[in-house]
Protein backbone atom coordinates (compact mmCIF):
# COMPACT_ATOMS: atom_id res chain seq x y z
CA MET A 1 -3.53 -1.24 -38.33
CA GLU A 2 -5.04 -3.04 -35.17
CA ASN A 3 -5.48 -0.75 -32.02
CA LYS A 4 -4.01 -2.32 -28.03
CA PHE A 5 -7.87 -3.37 -27.73
CA GLN A 6 -8.19 -5.21 -31.12
CA VAL A 7 -4.59 -6.57 -30.15
CA VAL A 8 -6.14 -8.07 -26.53
CA ALA A 9 -9.51 -8.90 -28.01
CA LYS A 10 -7.51 -11.06 -30.76
CA GLU A 11 -5.08 -12.99 -27.98
CA LEU A 12 -8.42 -13.53 -25.58
CA ASN A 13 -10.37 -15.07 -28.07
CA SER A 14 -7.18 -17.29 -29.16
CA LEU A 15 -6.73 -18.16 -24.92
CA LEU A 16 -9.62 -19.08 -24.12
CA GLY A 17 -11.68 -20.12 -27.05
CA LEU A 18 -14.56 -17.82 -26.25
CA ASP A 19 -17.55 -18.90 -28.30
CA PRO A 20 -18.80 -16.72 -29.42
CA ALA A 21 -15.55 -14.74 -29.79
CA ILE A 22 -15.33 -11.18 -29.09
CA ASP A 23 -15.55 -9.35 -32.26
CA GLU A 24 -12.76 -7.26 -33.33
CA THR A 25 -14.44 -4.87 -35.49
CA LEU A 26 -16.77 -3.29 -32.68
CA THR A 27 -15.93 0.04 -31.32
CA ASP A 28 -13.21 0.80 -28.60
CA GLU A 29 -16.55 1.16 -26.16
CA GLU A 30 -17.93 -1.88 -27.06
CA ILE A 31 -14.75 -4.54 -27.35
CA THR A 32 -13.62 -3.01 -23.76
CA GLY A 33 -17.20 -3.96 -22.24
CA LYS A 34 -16.65 -7.46 -23.68
CA ILE A 35 -12.77 -7.27 -22.31
CA LYS A 36 -13.78 -6.71 -19.32
CA GLU A 37 -16.31 -9.71 -19.37
CA ALA A 38 -13.85 -12.50 -20.44
CA VAL A 39 -10.99 -11.02 -18.67
CA LEU A 40 -12.86 -12.78 -15.21
CA LEU A 41 -12.07 -16.16 -17.04
CA ILE A 42 -8.56 -16.17 -17.25
CA GLU A 43 -6.81 -18.08 -14.61
CA LYS A 44 -3.36 -18.91 -12.60
CA GLY A 45 -1.50 -20.83 -15.91
CA ASP A 46 -2.85 -18.94 -18.54
CA LYS A 47 -0.19 -17.22 -20.59
CA LEU A 48 -0.69 -13.54 -22.36
CA SER A 49 1.78 -11.15 -24.40
CA GLN A 50 3.09 -8.08 -21.62
CA ASP A 51 1.11 -6.11 -24.32
CA SER A 52 -1.68 -7.44 -23.39
CA VAL A 53 -1.15 -7.53 -19.64
CA GLY A 54 -0.49 -3.60 -19.49
CA VAL A 55 -3.36 -2.75 -21.23
CA LEU A 56 -5.63 -5.31 -18.78
CA VAL A 57 -3.41 -3.28 -16.24
CA GLU A 58 -4.32 0.06 -17.09
CA MET A 59 -8.39 -0.97 -17.46
CA GLY A 60 -7.96 -1.55 -13.63
CA PHE A 61 -7.91 -5.66 -13.43
CA THR A 62 -4.32 -5.11 -11.80
CA GLU A 63 -5.27 -7.68 -8.95
CA HIS A 64 -6.93 -10.29 -11.16
CA MET A 65 -3.72 -10.42 -13.06
CA THR A 66 -1.60 -10.39 -10.15
CA ALA A 67 -3.86 -13.22 -9.19
CA CYS A 68 -3.46 -15.53 -12.09
CA GLY A 69 0.22 -14.60 -11.71
CA LEU A 70 0.45 -13.05 -15.06
CA ILE A 71 2.26 -10.13 -13.10
CA LYS A 72 4.49 -9.80 -10.25
CA VAL A 73 4.29 -7.44 -7.30
CA LYS A 74 7.46 -7.04 -5.43
CA LYS A 75 7.43 -6.86 -1.82
CA ALA A 76 8.69 -4.66 0.36
CA ARG A 77 11.93 -5.43 1.63
CA ALA A 78 12.21 -5.43 5.57
CA GLU A 79 14.40 -2.76 7.11
CA LYS A 80 17.60 -4.38 8.81
CA ALA A 81 19.23 -3.61 11.97
CA PRO A 82 22.75 -3.94 11.73
CA GLY A 83 23.72 -7.83 11.71
CA GLY A 84 20.31 -9.15 9.45
CA VAL A 85 17.88 -8.77 12.13
CA ALA A 86 14.52 -7.72 10.81
CA VAL A 87 13.59 -4.61 12.31
CA GLN A 88 10.20 -3.85 14.24
CA LYS A 89 8.80 -0.19 14.53
CA ASP A 90 6.24 1.64 16.68
CA ALA A 91 3.32 3.28 15.66
CA PHE A 92 5.32 6.71 14.98
CA GLY A 93 7.91 4.31 12.44
CA TYR A 94 10.47 4.34 15.54
CA ARG A 95 12.86 1.79 15.82
CA ILE A 96 11.51 -0.38 18.88
CA GLY A 97 13.94 -0.28 21.59
CA THR A 98 15.64 2.84 20.96
CA LYS A 99 15.40 6.06 23.17
CA THR A 100 12.81 7.41 21.07
CA SER A 101 10.82 4.80 20.81
CA ASP A 102 11.16 4.41 24.38
CA ILE A 103 10.22 7.97 25.13
CA ALA A 104 7.42 8.01 22.81
CA ALA A 105 5.87 5.31 24.55
CA ASP A 106 6.34 7.13 27.98
CA MET A 107 4.54 10.06 26.30
CA LEU A 108 1.32 7.81 25.63
CA THR A 109 1.47 6.27 29.11
CA GLY A 110 -0.24 9.15 30.65
CA ASN A 111 -0.23 12.65 31.33
CA PHE A 112 3.38 14.34 31.85
CA THR A 113 4.96 18.10 31.25
CA MET A 114 7.83 19.12 29.31
CA SER A 115 10.36 19.19 32.49
CA GLU A 116 9.11 15.87 33.64
CA ILE A 117 10.15 14.56 30.31
CA LYS A 118 13.73 16.89 30.06
CA ALA A 119 14.43 15.57 33.62
CA LYS A 120 13.97 12.12 32.91
CA TYR A 121 15.23 12.41 29.04
CA ASN A 122 17.80 15.59 29.33
CA ASP A 123 15.62 16.95 26.69
CA THR A 124 12.72 18.43 25.22
CA TYR A 125 11.64 16.22 22.37
CA TYR A 126 8.76 18.04 20.79
CA SER A 127 9.71 16.09 17.64
CA ILE A 128 8.08 13.44 19.04
CA ILE A 129 5.46 15.58 19.46
CA ARG A 130 4.98 16.38 15.98
CA LYS A 131 5.16 12.56 14.65
CA MET A 132 2.38 12.12 17.53
CA LYS A 133 -0.05 14.71 15.49
CA GLU A 134 1.44 13.41 11.98
CA CYS A 135 -0.09 10.30 13.07
CA GLY A 136 -3.46 11.20 14.15
CA TYR A 137 -2.80 11.41 17.48
CA VAL A 138 -4.71 14.56 19.34
CA VAL A 139 -2.13 16.39 21.81
CA THR A 140 -3.30 18.98 23.90
CA THR A 141 -2.33 20.99 27.19
CA ASN A 142 -4.83 21.03 30.77
CA GLU A 143 -4.72 24.13 32.94
CA SER A 144 -2.00 22.63 35.02
CA LYS A 145 0.59 22.58 31.78
CA LYS A 146 0.12 18.52 31.93
CA ILE A 147 0.30 16.91 27.85
CA ILE A 148 -2.12 14.94 27.19
CA VAL A 149 -1.65 12.70 24.04
CA THR A 150 -4.70 10.80 23.25
CA LYS A 151 -5.79 8.71 19.72
CA GLY A 152 -7.61 11.06 17.57
């Protein structure tokens, strides 16, 4: 019974007309070396079985298989706001134009105290500071209790 590498070798031999053909009696290590050389000859429009494509993906050729049109990568759908409009997000993942996004932008513009944020927005919004830290920003406090946010 043929193993998966022998099946791929046989299919590549047939598809590409390899001369010399990959010897299907080689050891798995030897045959995979030959497959790695031959797989780069696959072009857009060539047809391979899904089993062979799966083996080649396991071997690390996902990008090449995608470029040749043998596998399709699903694109992530953009999040949509009510009304079907695509949503834009800021560096912290907040929807642009929302109060939370505006507060985060305010916090990035300079020194502030939590009292100033509370006076302006009626809350302290420590969750935004945690999110900033998660996104790689450094949040420090100086001697006058001003909070300083810098890119880490």
